[in-house]
Amino acid sequence: MSLALLFPGQGSQFPGMGRDLAAAYPEAARVFERADDILGFSLSRLAWEGPEDQLVQTHIAQPAILVHSLAALAVLKPRLGPIACAAGHSLGEISAHAAAGTLQFDDAVYAVRRRGELMREAGRARPGSMAAILGLGEPEVREVCRGVSGKGRACVPANFNAPTQIVVSGDADAIDRVLARAREAGARRAVRLAVSGAFHSPLMAVAEEGLRKCFRSLSFGPPEFPVFSNVTAGAVRDPGLARRLLVRQLTSPVLWSQSVRSMVESGVERFVEIGPGSVLCGLSRRNARGVKAVSVGTAIGVRKLFPDPVAAGSTP
């Protein structure tokens, strides 16, 4: 059965993430320990204990999610068998490239930390926000965005998570107007998201050069399996293209629904979401009906998928 890996993005973090996994599996603990060494502070303590107001900060949340995902992968990879492809939502695309070997672990940790810092700085330079709109399709959401843009305001679709679940991004006052217009247009729900900037929009342009410079300093190699790009929804096998698309991703919409459909069309029959939470599994039920999806980010989740009587704390 053709298997694809999915890696979550920002918003999936929570205090306690990865703690039981590291306690049960030494290989997962080593991943957290290595990340602490690379970053020069105890990311593991923040992930496992909080406080939440620090963990949610972009430059902390992004490496925490990547490290949790790759710690879980360290446990799962010997058990999974052949992997057909992978994809990740926003920062999760870097996790996917690390899983595929396009980026080495140390470089991936450094890259997401720097990415988070650059996005935070861009948000401070031009404050913006994001909002989730449920119940409207792409044409309606684009029309709502056009209606609030102009006169120094920008608002664009940022995440195509499912056919009628779209996140928009832009200037703070544009998002205020979008919420009202979306409801008038018949949205089932329109809600502002708790984020520190207008991610995946032109407001992030100031961060692009910094991320480009960061990636130029890192080595990108051929992936073991293709990674589907947020920007194009297509499979990426060329390391140079991967580097370029990860920079473009900052200001481009996340074509998540389209990416999932592309993976299914390529022959994927099963998804495994690796890391904190289960958001992508939930979306897969709307984007890939009938395709099995499971999420694994805890020791219990690993044992449900692969019963392992010798793992620490398991029941014989």
C-alpha atoms as a PDB file:
ATOM      1  CA  MET A   1       0.000   0.000   0.000  1.00  0.00           C
ATOM      2  CA  SER A   2       1.569   3.303  -1.145  1.00  0.00           C
ATOM      3  CA  LEU A   3       2.353   5.444   1.918  1.00  0.00           C
ATOM      4  CA  ALA A   4       2.773   9.237   2.225  1.00  0.00           C
ATOM      5  CA  LEU A   5       3.988  11.154   5.257  1.00  0.00           C
ATOM      6  CA  LEU A   6       2.334  14.394   6.361  1.00  0.00           C
ATOM      7  CA  PHE A   7       3.965  16.951   8.658  1.00  0.00           C
ATOM      8  CA  PRO A   8       1.982  19.592  10.589  1.00  0.00           C
ATOM      9  CA  GLY A   9       2.550  23.333  10.678  1.00  0.00           C
ATOM     10  CA  GLN A  10       2.377  26.107  13.235  1.00  0.00           C
ATOM     11  CA  GLY A  11      -0.649  25.984  15.505  1.00  0.00           C
ATOM     12  CA  SER A  12      -0.217  22.294  16.326  1.00  0.00           C
ATOM     13  CA  GLN A  13       2.109  22.980  19.261  1.00  0.00           C
ATOM     14  CA  PHE A  14       1.021  22.401  22.871  1.00  0.00           C
ATOM     15  CA  PRO A  15       2.822  22.167  26.234  1.00  0.00           C
ATOM     16  CA  GLY A  16       3.822  18.555  26.812  1.00  0.00           C
ATOM     17  CA  MET A  17       4.380  17.795  23.124  1.00  0.00           C
ATOM     18  CA  GLY A  18       6.847  14.959  22.626  1.00  0.00           C
ATOM     19  CA  ARG A  19       7.522  14.344  26.320  1.00  0.00           C
ATOM     20  CA  ASP A  20       6.044  10.840  26.531  1.00  0.00           C
ATOM     21  CA  LEU A  21       7.632   9.921  23.199  1.00  0.00           C
ATOM     22  CA  ALA A  22      11.105  10.880  24.468  1.00  0.00           C
ATOM     23  CA  ALA A  23      10.488   9.035  27.743  1.00  0.00           C
ATOM     24  CA  ALA A  24       9.500   5.837  25.942  1.00  0.00           C
ATOM     25  CA  TYR A  25      11.970   5.790  23.049  1.00  0.00           C
ATOM     26  CA  PRO A  26      15.684   6.680  23.383  1.00  0.00           C
ATOM     27  CA  GLU A  27      15.919   7.539  19.690  1.00  0.00           C
ATOM     28  CA  ALA A  28      13.271  10.235  20.153  1.00  0.00           C
ATOM     29  CA  ALA A  29      15.022  11.582  23.258  1.00  0.00           C
ATOM     30  CA  ARG A  30      18.256  11.879  21.273  1.00  0.00           C
ATOM     31  CA  VAL A  31      16.524  14.020  18.652  1.00  0.00           C
ATOM     32  CA  PHE A  32      15.374  16.497  21.313  1.00  0.00           C
ATOM     33  CA  GLU A  33      18.817  16.490  22.938  1.00  0.00           C
ATOM     34  CA  ARG A  34      20.510  17.236  19.616  1.00  0.00           C
ATOM     35  CA  ALA A  35      18.103  20.105  18.935  1.00  0.00           C
ATOM     36  CA  ASP A  36      18.883  21.623  22.353  1.00  0.00           C
ATOM     37  CA  ASP A  37      22.593  21.510  21.494  1.00  0.00           C
ATOM     38  CA  ILE A  38      22.071  23.112  18.077  1.00  0.00           C
ATOM     39  CA  LEU A  39      19.881  25.930  19.378  1.00  0.00           C
ATOM     40  CA  GLY A  40      21.827  26.639  22.538  1.00  0.00           C
ATOM     41  CA  PHE A  41      18.780  26.557  24.800  1.00  0.00           C
ATOM     42  CA  SER A  42      16.410  23.910  26.120  1.00  0.00           C
ATOM     43  CA  LEU A  43      13.788  23.642  23.414  1.00  0.00           C
ATOM     44  CA  SER A  44      12.826  20.299  24.970  1.00  0.00           C
ATOM     45  CA  ARG A  45      11.927  21.990  28.270  1.00  0.00           C
ATOM     46  CA  LEU A  46       9.721  24.553  26.506  1.00  0.00           C
ATOM     47  CA  ALA A  47       8.047  21.819  24.443  1.00  0.00           C
ATOM     48  CA  TRP A  48       7.485  19.524  27.411  1.00  0.00           C
ATOM     49  CA  GLU A  49       6.685  22.073  30.117  1.00  0.00           C
ATOM     50  CA  GLY A  50       5.817  25.398  28.482  1.00  0.00           C
ATOM     51  CA  PRO A  51       4.877  28.029  29.454  1.00  0.00           C
ATOM     52  CA  GLU A  52       2.373  28.223  26.623  1.00  0.00           C
ATOM     53  CA  ASP A  53       2.866  31.958  26.083  1.00  0.00           C
ATOM     54  CA  GLN A  54       6.491  31.230  25.110  1.00  0.00           C
ATOM     55  CA  LEU A  55       5.797  28.058  23.153  1.00  0.00           C
ATOM     56  CA  VAL A  56       3.305  29.800  20.847  1.00  0.00           C
ATOM     57  CA  GLN A  57       5.866  32.394  19.749  1.00  0.00           C
ATOM     58  CA  THR A  58       6.698  31.840  16.098  1.00  0.00           C
ATOM     59  CA  HIS A  59      10.454  31.413  16.554  1.00  0.00           C
ATOM     60  CA  ILE A  60       9.866  28.806  19.309  1.00  0.00           C
ATOM     61  CA  ALA A  61       6.804  27.000  17.945  1.00  0.00           C
ATOM     62  CA  GLN A  62       8.337  26.300  14.535  1.00  0.00           C
ATOM     63  CA  PRO A  63      11.459  24.433  15.716  1.00  0.00           C
ATOM     64  CA  ALA A  64       9.433  22.703  18.455  1.00  0.00           C
ATOM     65  CA  ILE A  65       7.008  21.272  15.907  1.00  0.00           C
ATOM     66  CA  LEU A  66       9.774  20.220  13.506  1.00  0.00           C
ATOM     67  CA  VAL A  67      11.765  18.526  16.291  1.00  0.00           C
ATOM     68  CA  HIS A  68       8.706  16.709  17.650  1.00  0.00           C
ATOM     69  CA  SER A  69       7.875  15.509  14.129  1.00  0.00           C
ATOM     70  CA  LEU A  70      11.404  14.253  13.464  1.00  0.00           C
ATOM     71  CA  ALA A  71      11.621  12.623  16.909  1.00  0.00           C
ATOM     72  CA  ALA A  72       8.478  10.664  16.086  1.00  0.00           C
ATOM     73  CA  LEU A  73       9.884   9.815  12.658  1.00  0.00           C
ATOM     74  CA  ALA A  74      13.072   8.466  14.272  1.00  0.00           C
ATOM     75  CA  VAL A  75      10.881   5.937  16.080  1.00  0.00           C
ATOM     76  CA  LEU A  76       8.598   5.176  13.151  1.00  0.00           C
ATOM     77  CA  LYS A  77      10.877   5.061  10.119  1.00  0.00           C
ATOM     78  CA  PRO A  78      12.354   1.593  10.765  1.00  0.00           C
ATOM     79  CA  ARG A  79       8.794   0.291  11.109  1.00  0.00           C
ATOM     80  CA  LEU A  80       7.023   2.082   8.242  1.00  0.00           C
ATOM     81  CA  GLY A  81       8.434   0.336   5.208  1.00  0.00           C
ATOM     82  CA  PRO A  82       8.744   2.080   1.822  1.00  0.00           C
ATOM     83  CA  ILE A  83       7.681   5.742   1.701  1.00  0.00           C
ATOM     84  CA  ALA A  84       6.250   6.994  -1.590  1.00  0.00           C
ATOM     85  CA  CYS A  85       6.323  10.731  -0.872  1.00  0.00           C
ATOM     86  CA  ALA A  86       5.769  13.400   1.764  1.00  0.00           C
ATOM     87  CA  ALA A  87       4.270  16.841   2.255  1.00  0.00           C
ATOM     88  CA  GLY A  88       4.127  19.346   5.070  1.00  0.00           C
ATOM     89  CA  HIS A  89       1.867  22.274   5.847  1.00  0.00           C
ATOM     90  CA  SER A  90       3.864  25.529   5.795  1.00  0.00           C
ATOM     91  CA  LEU A  91       6.842  24.947   8.148  1.00  0.00           C
ATOM     92  CA  GLY A  92       5.968  21.243   7.899  1.00  0.00           C
ATOM     93  CA  GLU A  93       7.370  21.289   4.380  1.00  0.00           C
ATOM     94  CA  ILE A  94      10.823  21.757   5.912  1.00  0.00           C
ATOM     95  CA  SER A  95      10.100  18.782   8.190  1.00  0.00           C
ATOM     96  CA  ALA A  96       9.172  16.792   5.085  1.00  0.00           C
ATOM     97  CA  HIS A  97      12.442  17.717   3.362  1.00  0.00           C
ATOM     98  CA  ALA A  98      14.371  16.753   6.492  1.00  0.00           C
ATOM     99  CA  ALA A  99      12.530  13.418   6.520  1.00  0.00           C
ATOM    100  CA  ALA A 100      13.433  12.902   2.858  1.00  0.00           C
ATOM    101  CA  GLY A 101      17.077  13.818   3.421  1.00  0.00           C
ATOM    102  CA  THR A 102      16.990  16.966   1.266  1.00  0.00           C
ATOM    103  CA  LEU A 103      18.133  18.796   4.412  1.00  0.00           C
ATOM    104  CA  GLN A 104      20.191  17.359   7.242  1.00  0.00           C
ATOM    105  CA  PHE A 105      18.653  17.524  10.718  1.00  0.00           C
ATOM    106  CA  ASP A 106      21.020  20.200  12.081  1.00  0.00           C
ATOM    107  CA  ASP A 107      20.374  22.426   9.076  1.00  0.00           C
ATOM    108  CA  ALA A 108      16.611  21.930   9.274  1.00  0.00           C
ATOM    109  CA  VAL A 109      16.530  22.949  12.950  1.00  0.00           C
ATOM    110  CA  TYR A 110      18.612  26.032  12.222  1.00  0.00           C
ATOM    111  CA  ALA A 111      16.463  26.907   9.190  1.00  0.00           C
ATOM    112  CA  VAL A 112      13.107  26.780  10.975  1.00  0.00           C
ATOM    113  CA  ARG A 113      14.458  28.791  13.900  1.00  0.00           C
ATOM    114  CA  ARG A 114      15.694  31.466  11.480  1.00  0.00           C
ATOM    115  CA  ARG A 115      12.459  31.285   9.477  1.00  0.00           C
ATOM    116  CA  GLY A 116      10.446  31.904  12.639  1.00  0.00           C
ATOM    117  CA  GLU A 117      12.634  34.871  13.572  1.00  0.00           C
ATOM    118  CA  LEU A 118      12.286  36.407  10.111  1.00  0.00           C
ATOM    119  CA  MET A 119       8.515  35.952  10.087  1.00  0.00           C
ATOM    120  CA  ARG A 120       8.250  37.513  13.535  1.00  0.00           C
ATOM    121  CA  GLU A 121      10.337  40.512  12.395  1.00  0.00           C
ATOM    122  CA  ALA A 122       8.221  40.900   9.248  1.00  0.00           C
ATOM    123  CA  GLY A 123       5.080  40.867  11.385  1.00  0.00           C
ATOM    124  CA  ARG A 124       6.478  43.645  13.536  1.00  0.00           C
ATOM    125  CA  ALA A 125       7.532  45.708  10.510  1.00  0.00           C
ATOM    126  CA  ARG A 126       4.052  45.526   8.963  1.00  0.00           C
ATOM    127  CA  PRO A 127       1.473  44.210  11.422  1.00  0.00           C
ATOM    128  CA  GLY A 128      -1.038  41.846   9.949  1.00  0.00           C
ATOM    129  CA  SER A 129      -3.307  38.967  10.813  1.00  0.00           C
ATOM    130  CA  MET A 130      -5.092  35.925   9.404  1.00  0.00           C
ATOM    131  CA  ALA A 131      -8.632  34.583   9.462  1.00  0.00           C
ATOM    132  CA  ALA A 132     -10.227  31.216   8.723  1.00  0.00           C
ATOM    133  CA  ILE A 133     -13.310  31.200   6.493  1.00  0.00           C
ATOM    134  CA  LEU A 134     -15.471  28.089   6.466  1.00  0.00           C
ATOM    135  CA  GLY A 135     -18.325  27.443   4.086  1.00  0.00           C
ATOM    136  CA  LEU A 136     -17.191  29.511   1.080  1.00  0.00           C
ATOM    137  CA  GLY A 137     -15.348  28.202  -1.958  1.00  0.00           C
ATOM    138  CA  GLU A 138     -12.254  29.641  -3.614  1.00  0.00           C
ATOM    139  CA  PRO A 139     -14.068  32.033  -6.035  1.00  0.00           C
ATOM    140  CA  GLU A 140     -16.148  33.521  -3.212  1.00  0.00           C
ATOM    141  CA  VAL A 141     -13.139  33.945  -0.913  1.00  0.00           C
ATOM    142  CA  ARG A 142     -11.105  35.608  -3.659  1.00  0.00           C
ATOM    143  CA  GLU A 143     -13.971  38.016  -4.304  1.00  0.00           C
ATOM    144  CA  VAL A 144     -14.226  38.871  -0.600  1.00  0.00           C
ATOM    145  CA  CYS A 145     -10.467  39.551  -0.519  1.00  0.00           C
ATOM    146  CA  ARG A 146     -10.665  41.787  -3.589  1.00  0.00           C
ATOM    147  CA  GLY A 147     -13.478  43.724  -1.963  1.00  0.00           C
ATOM    148  CA  VAL A 148     -11.387  44.702   1.079  1.00  0.00           C
ATOM    149  CA  SER A 149      -8.038  45.280  -0.664  1.00  0.00           C
ATOM    150  CA  GLY A 150      -6.753  48.580  -2.012  1.00  0.00           C
ATOM    151  CA  LYS A 151      -5.882  52.007  -0.582  1.00  0.00           C
ATOM    152  CA  GLY A 152      -2.823  50.576   1.155  1.00  0.00           C
ATOM    153  CA  ARG A 153      -4.618  47.465   2.393  1.00  0.00           C
ATOM    154  CA  ALA A 154      -3.869  43.925   1.226  1.00  0.00           C
ATOM    155  CA  CYS A 155      -5.733  40.674   1.835  1.00  0.00           C
ATOM    156  CA  VAL A 156      -5.184  37.398  -0.020  1.00  0.00           C
ATOM    157  CA  PRO A 157      -6.041  33.695   0.325  1.00  0.00           C
ATOM    158  CA  ALA A 158      -3.179  32.122   2.287  1.00  0.00           C
ATOM    159  CA  ASN A 159      -4.069  28.490   3.019  1.00  0.00           C
ATOM    160  CA  PHE A 160      -6.313  26.351   0.829  1.00  0.00           C
ATOM    161  CA  ASN A 161      -6.819  23.722   3.515  1.00  0.00           C
ATOM    162  CA  ALA A 162      -9.974  22.121   2.074  1.00  0.00           C
ATOM    163  CA  PRO A 163     -12.441  23.060  -0.670  1.00  0.00           C
ATOM    164  CA  THR A 164     -14.516  25.206   1.709  1.00  0.00           C
ATOM    165  CA  GLN A 165     -11.942  25.839   4.452  1.00  0.00           C
ATOM    166  CA  ILE A 166      -9.666  28.682   3.406  1.00  0.00           C
ATOM    167  CA  VAL A 167      -7.451  30.951   5.483  1.00  0.00           C
ATOM    168  CA  VAL A 168      -6.889  34.545   4.384  1.00  0.00           C
ATOM    169  CA  SER A 169      -3.995  36.804   5.329  1.00  0.00           C
ATOM    170  CA  GLY A 170      -3.357  40.539   5.230  1.00  0.00           C
ATOM    171  CA  ASP A 171      -3.299  43.878   6.988  1.00  0.00           C
ATOM    172  CA  ALA A 172      -5.122  43.923  10.321  1.00  0.00           C
ATOM    173  CA  ASP A 173      -7.853  46.342   9.211  1.00  0.00           C
ATOM    174  CA  ALA A 174      -8.383  44.333   6.007  1.00  0.00           C
ATOM    175  CA  ILE A 175      -8.952  41.211   8.103  1.00  0.00           C
ATOM    176  CA  ASP A 176     -11.549  43.106  10.171  1.00  0.00           C
ATOM    177  CA  ARG A 177     -13.412  43.894   6.953  1.00  0.00           C
ATOM    178  CA  VAL A 178     -13.022  40.347   5.614  1.00  0.00           C
ATOM    179  CA  LEU A 179     -14.710  38.853   8.661  1.00  0.00           C
ATOM    180  CA  ALA A 180     -17.810  40.981   8.117  1.00  0.00           C
ATOM    181  CA  ARG A 181     -17.907  40.511   4.329  1.00  0.00           C
ATOM    182  CA  ALA A 182     -17.415  36.756   4.548  1.00  0.00           C
ATOM    183  CA  ARG A 183     -20.384  36.429   6.879  1.00  0.00           C
ATOM    184  CA  GLU A 184     -22.466  38.585   4.535  1.00  0.00           C
ATOM    185  CA  ALA A 185     -21.438  36.308   1.652  1.00  0.00           C
ATOM    186  CA  GLY A 186     -22.786  33.264   3.511  1.00  0.00           C
ATOM    187  CA  ALA A 187     -19.749  31.875   5.316  1.00  0.00           C
ATOM    188  CA  ARG A 188     -20.682  29.310   7.921  1.00  0.00           C
ATOM    189  CA  ARG A 189     -17.914  30.677  10.125  1.00  0.00           C
ATOM    190  CA  ALA A 190     -15.296  33.430   9.882  1.00  0.00           C
ATOM    191  CA  VAL A 191     -12.839  33.768  12.740  1.00  0.00           C
ATOM    192  CA  ARG A 192      -9.583  35.625  13.332  1.00  0.00           C
ATOM    193  CA  LEU A 193      -6.578  33.389  14.077  1.00  0.00           C
ATOM    194  CA  ALA A 194      -4.137  33.937  16.948  1.00  0.00           C
ATOM    195  CA  VAL A 195      -1.007  34.580  14.863  1.00  0.00           C
ATOM    196  CA  SER A 196       1.726  37.197  14.969  1.00  0.00           C
ATOM    197  CA  GLY A 197       1.681  38.192  11.309  1.00  0.00           C
ATOM    198  CA  ALA A 198       0.133  37.919   7.867  1.00  0.00           C
ATOM    199  CA  PHE A 199       1.847  34.692   6.871  1.00  0.00           C
ATOM    200  CA  HIS A 200       1.849  33.487   3.252  1.00  0.00           C
ATOM    201  CA  SER A 201       0.998  36.944   1.947  1.00  0.00           C
ATOM    202  CA  PRO A 202       2.876  39.874   0.352  1.00  0.00           C
ATOM    203  CA  LEU A 203       3.350  41.282   3.875  1.00  0.00           C
ATOM    204  CA  MET A 204       6.059  38.644   4.396  1.00  0.00           C
ATOM    205  CA  ALA A 205       8.141  39.903   1.450  1.00  0.00           C
ATOM    206  CA  VAL A 206      10.617  41.597   3.778  1.00  0.00           C
ATOM    207  CA  ALA A 207      11.548  38.155   5.172  1.00  0.00           C
ATOM    208  CA  GLU A 208      12.296  36.549   1.801  1.00  0.00           C
ATOM    209  CA  GLU A 209      15.848  37.806   1.338  1.00  0.00           C
ATOM    210  CA  GLY A 210      16.830  36.750   4.849  1.00  0.00           C
ATOM    211  CA  LEU A 211      15.462  33.250   4.269  1.00  0.00           C
ATOM    212  CA  ARG A 212      17.107  33.076   0.850  1.00  0.00           C
ATOM    213  CA  LYS A 213      20.438  33.959   2.463  1.00  0.00           C
ATOM    214  CA  CYS A 214      19.843  31.334   5.174  1.00  0.00           C
ATOM    215  CA  PHE A 215      19.140  28.596   2.628  1.00  0.00           C
ATOM    216  CA  ARG A 216      22.148  29.570   0.491  1.00  0.00           C
ATOM    217  CA  SER A 217      24.354  28.728   3.483  1.00  0.00           C
ATOM    218  CA  LEU A 218      22.867  25.229   3.780  1.00  0.00           C
ATOM    219  CA  SER A 219      23.441  22.093   1.745  1.00  0.00           C
ATOM    220  CA  PHE A 220      20.429  20.684  -0.134  1.00  0.00           C
ATOM    221  CA  GLY A 221      20.704  17.153  -1.509  1.00  0.00           C
ATOM    222  CA  PRO A 222      18.529  14.850  -3.632  1.00  0.00           C
ATOM    223  CA  PRO A 223      15.555  13.588  -1.566  1.00  0.00           C
ATOM    224  CA  GLU A 224      15.039   9.891  -0.907  1.00  0.00           C
ATOM    225  CA  PHE A 225      11.417  10.394  -1.999  1.00  0.00           C
ATOM    226  CA  PRO A 226       9.591  13.351  -3.565  1.00  0.00           C
ATOM    227  CA  VAL A 227       8.190  16.137  -1.401  1.00  0.00           C
ATOM    228  CA  PHE A 228       5.056  17.908  -2.633  1.00  0.00           C
ATOM    229  CA  SER A 229       5.429  21.684  -2.639  1.00  0.00           C
ATOM    230  CA  ASN A 230       3.019  24.068  -0.914  1.00  0.00           C
ATOM    231  CA  VAL A 231       3.627  26.553  -3.739  1.00  0.00           C
ATOM    232  CA  THR A 232       2.950  24.329  -6.758  1.00  0.00           C
ATOM    233  CA  ALA A 233       1.192  21.244  -5.309  1.00  0.00           C
ATOM    234  CA  GLY A 234       3.655  19.254  -7.427  1.00  0.00           C
ATOM    235  CA  ALA A 235       6.311  16.695  -6.544  1.00  0.00           C
ATOM    236  CA  VAL A 236       9.807  18.126  -5.991  1.00  0.00           C
ATOM    237  CA  ARG A 237      12.871  15.949  -6.575  1.00  0.00           C
ATOM    238  CA  ASP A 238      15.450  18.608  -7.474  1.00  0.00           C
ATOM    239  CA  PRO A 239      17.297  20.113  -4.465  1.00  0.00           C
ATOM    240  CA  GLY A 240      17.767  23.483  -6.154  1.00  0.00           C
ATOM    241  CA  LEU A 241      14.044  23.741  -6.852  1.00  0.00           C
ATOM    242  CA  ALA A 242      13.298  22.736  -3.266  1.00  0.00           C
ATOM    243  CA  ARG A 243      15.466  25.602  -2.011  1.00  0.00           C
ATOM    244  CA  ARG A 244      13.741  28.156  -4.259  1.00  0.00           C
ATOM    245  CA  LEU A 245      10.218  27.013  -3.476  1.00  0.00           C
ATOM    246  CA  LEU A 246      10.789  27.084   0.278  1.00  0.00           C
ATOM    247  CA  VAL A 247      11.664  30.779  -0.046  1.00  0.00           C
ATOM    248  CA  ARG A 248       8.670  31.519  -2.292  1.00  0.00           C
ATOM    249  CA  GLN A 249       6.449  29.764   0.223  1.00  0.00           C
ATOM    250  CA  LEU A 250       6.697  32.751   2.603  1.00  0.00           C
ATOM    251  CA  THR A 251       4.598  34.949   0.309  1.00  0.00           C
ATOM    252  CA  SER A 252       2.643  32.264  -1.588  1.00  0.00           C
ATOM    253  CA  PRO A 253      -0.547  30.502  -0.556  1.00  0.00           C
ATOM    254  CA  VAL A 254      -0.301  26.980   0.872  1.00  0.00           C
ATOM    255  CA  LEU A 255      -1.996  24.750  -1.710  1.00  0.00           C
ATOM    256  CA  TRP A 256      -2.704  22.017   0.807  1.00  0.00           C
ATOM    257  CA  SER A 257      -5.941  20.623  -0.580  1.00  0.00           C
ATOM    258  CA  GLN A 258      -4.426  20.540  -4.059  1.00  0.00           C
ATOM    259  CA  SER A 259      -1.250  18.853  -2.751  1.00  0.00           C
ATOM    260  CA  VAL A 260      -3.218  16.072  -1.076  1.00  0.00           C
ATOM    261  CA  ARG A 261      -5.190  15.481  -4.260  1.00  0.00           C
ATOM    262  CA  SER A 262      -1.940  15.378  -6.255  1.00  0.00           C
ATOM    263  CA  MET A 263      -0.528  12.740  -3.911  1.00  0.00           C
ATOM    264  CA  VAL A 264      -3.653  10.609  -4.245  1.00  0.00           C
ATOM    265  CA  GLU A 265      -3.517  10.966  -8.035  1.00  0.00           C
ATOM    266  CA  SER A 266       0.105   9.769  -7.906  1.00  0.00           C
ATOM    267  CA  GLY A 267      -1.066   6.540  -6.257  1.00  0.00           C
ATOM    268  CA  VAL A 268      -0.965   7.240  -2.505  1.00  0.00           C
ATOM    269  CA  GLU A 269      -3.312   4.934  -0.597  1.00  0.00           C
ATOM    270  CA  ARG A 270      -2.442   5.798   2.997  1.00  0.00           C
ATOM    271  CA  PHE A 271      -1.368   8.882   4.967  1.00  0.00           C
ATOM    272  CA  VAL A 272       0.545   8.994   8.244  1.00  0.00           C
ATOM    273  CA  GLU A 273       0.654  12.396   9.949  1.00  0.00           C
ATOM    274  CA  ILE A 274       3.789  12.620  12.074  1.00  0.00           C
ATOM    275  CA  GLY A 275       4.155  15.113  14.916  1.00  0.00           C
ATOM    276  CA  PRO A 276       1.887  17.030  17.292  1.00  0.00           C
ATOM    277  CA  GLY A 277      -1.872  16.990  16.789  1.00  0.00           C
ATOM    278  CA  SER A 278      -4.041  15.522  14.073  1.00  0.00           C
ATOM    279  CA  VAL A 279      -5.146  18.546  12.023  1.00  0.00           C
ATOM    280  CA  LEU A 280      -3.902  17.160   8.711  1.00  0.00           C
ATOM    281  CA  CYS A 281      -5.634  13.821   9.268  1.00  0.00           C
ATOM    282  CA  GLY A 282      -8.862  15.714   9.818  1.00  0.00           C
ATOM    283  CA  LEU A 283      -8.372  17.644   6.596  1.00  0.00           C
ATOM    284  CA  SER A 284      -7.537  14.479   4.661  1.00  0.00           C
ATOM    285  CA  ARG A 285     -11.029  13.181   5.346  1.00  0.00           C
ATOM    286  CA  ARG A 286     -12.287  16.113   3.268  1.00  0.00           C
ATOM    287  CA  ASN A 287      -9.499  16.225   0.684  1.00  0.00           C
ATOM    288  CA  ALA A 288      -9.015  12.491   0.107  1.00  0.00           C
ATOM    289  CA  ARG A 289     -12.223  10.678   1.000  1.00  0.00           C
ATOM    290  CA  GLY A 290     -11.734   6.953   1.415  1.00  0.00           C
ATOM    291  CA  VAL A 291      -7.954   7.175   1.870  1.00  0.00           C
ATOM    292  CA  LYS A 292      -6.885   5.949   5.294  1.00  0.00           C
ATOM    293  CA  ALA A 293      -5.087   8.505   7.486  1.00  0.00           C
ATOM    294  CA  VAL A 294      -3.627   8.156  10.975  1.00  0.00           C
ATOM    295  CA  SER A 295      -1.734  10.602  13.185  1.00  0.00           C
ATOM    296  CA  VAL A 296       1.244   9.556  15.291  1.00  0.00           C
ATOM    297  CA  GLY A 297       2.955  11.896  17.719  1.00  0.00           C
ATOM    298  CA  THR A 298       2.839  10.084  21.039  1.00  0.00           C
ATOM    299  CA  ALA A 299       4.190   6.838  22.476  1.00  0.00           C
ATOM    300  CA  ILE A 300       0.641   5.492  22.644  1.00  0.00           C
ATOM    301  CA  GLY A 301       0.132   6.387  18.992  1.00  0.00           C
ATOM    302  CA  VAL A 302       3.293   4.529  18.001  1.00  0.00           C
ATOM    303  CA  ARG A 303       2.221   1.412  19.905  1.00  0.00           C
ATOM    304  CA  LYS A 304      -1.259   1.466  18.407  1.00  0.00           C
ATOM    305  CA  LEU A 305       0.244   1.522  14.947  1.00  0.00           C
ATOM    306  CA  PHE A 306       3.126  -0.853  15.735  1.00  0.00           C
ATOM    307  CA  PRO A 307       2.694  -2.845  18.958  1.00  0.00           C
ATOM    308  CA  ASP A 308       6.156  -3.087  20.515  1.00  0.00           C
ATOM    309  CA  PRO A 309       6.357  -5.122  23.716  1.00  0.00           C
ATOM    310  CA  VAL A 310       9.999  -4.221  24.315  1.00  0.00           C
ATOM    311  CA  ALA A 311       9.480  -0.440  24.289  1.00  0.00           C
ATOM    312  CA  ALA A 312       9.850   1.213  27.663  1.00  0.00           C
ATOM    313  CA  GLY A 313       6.586   1.388  29.526  1.00  0.00           C
ATOM    314  CA  SER A 314       4.670  -0.886  27.179  1.00  0.00           C
ATOM    315  CA  THR A 315       2.549  -3.809  28.302  1.00  0.00           C
ATOM    316  CA  PRO A 316       3.944  -7.268  27.496  1.00  0.00           C
END
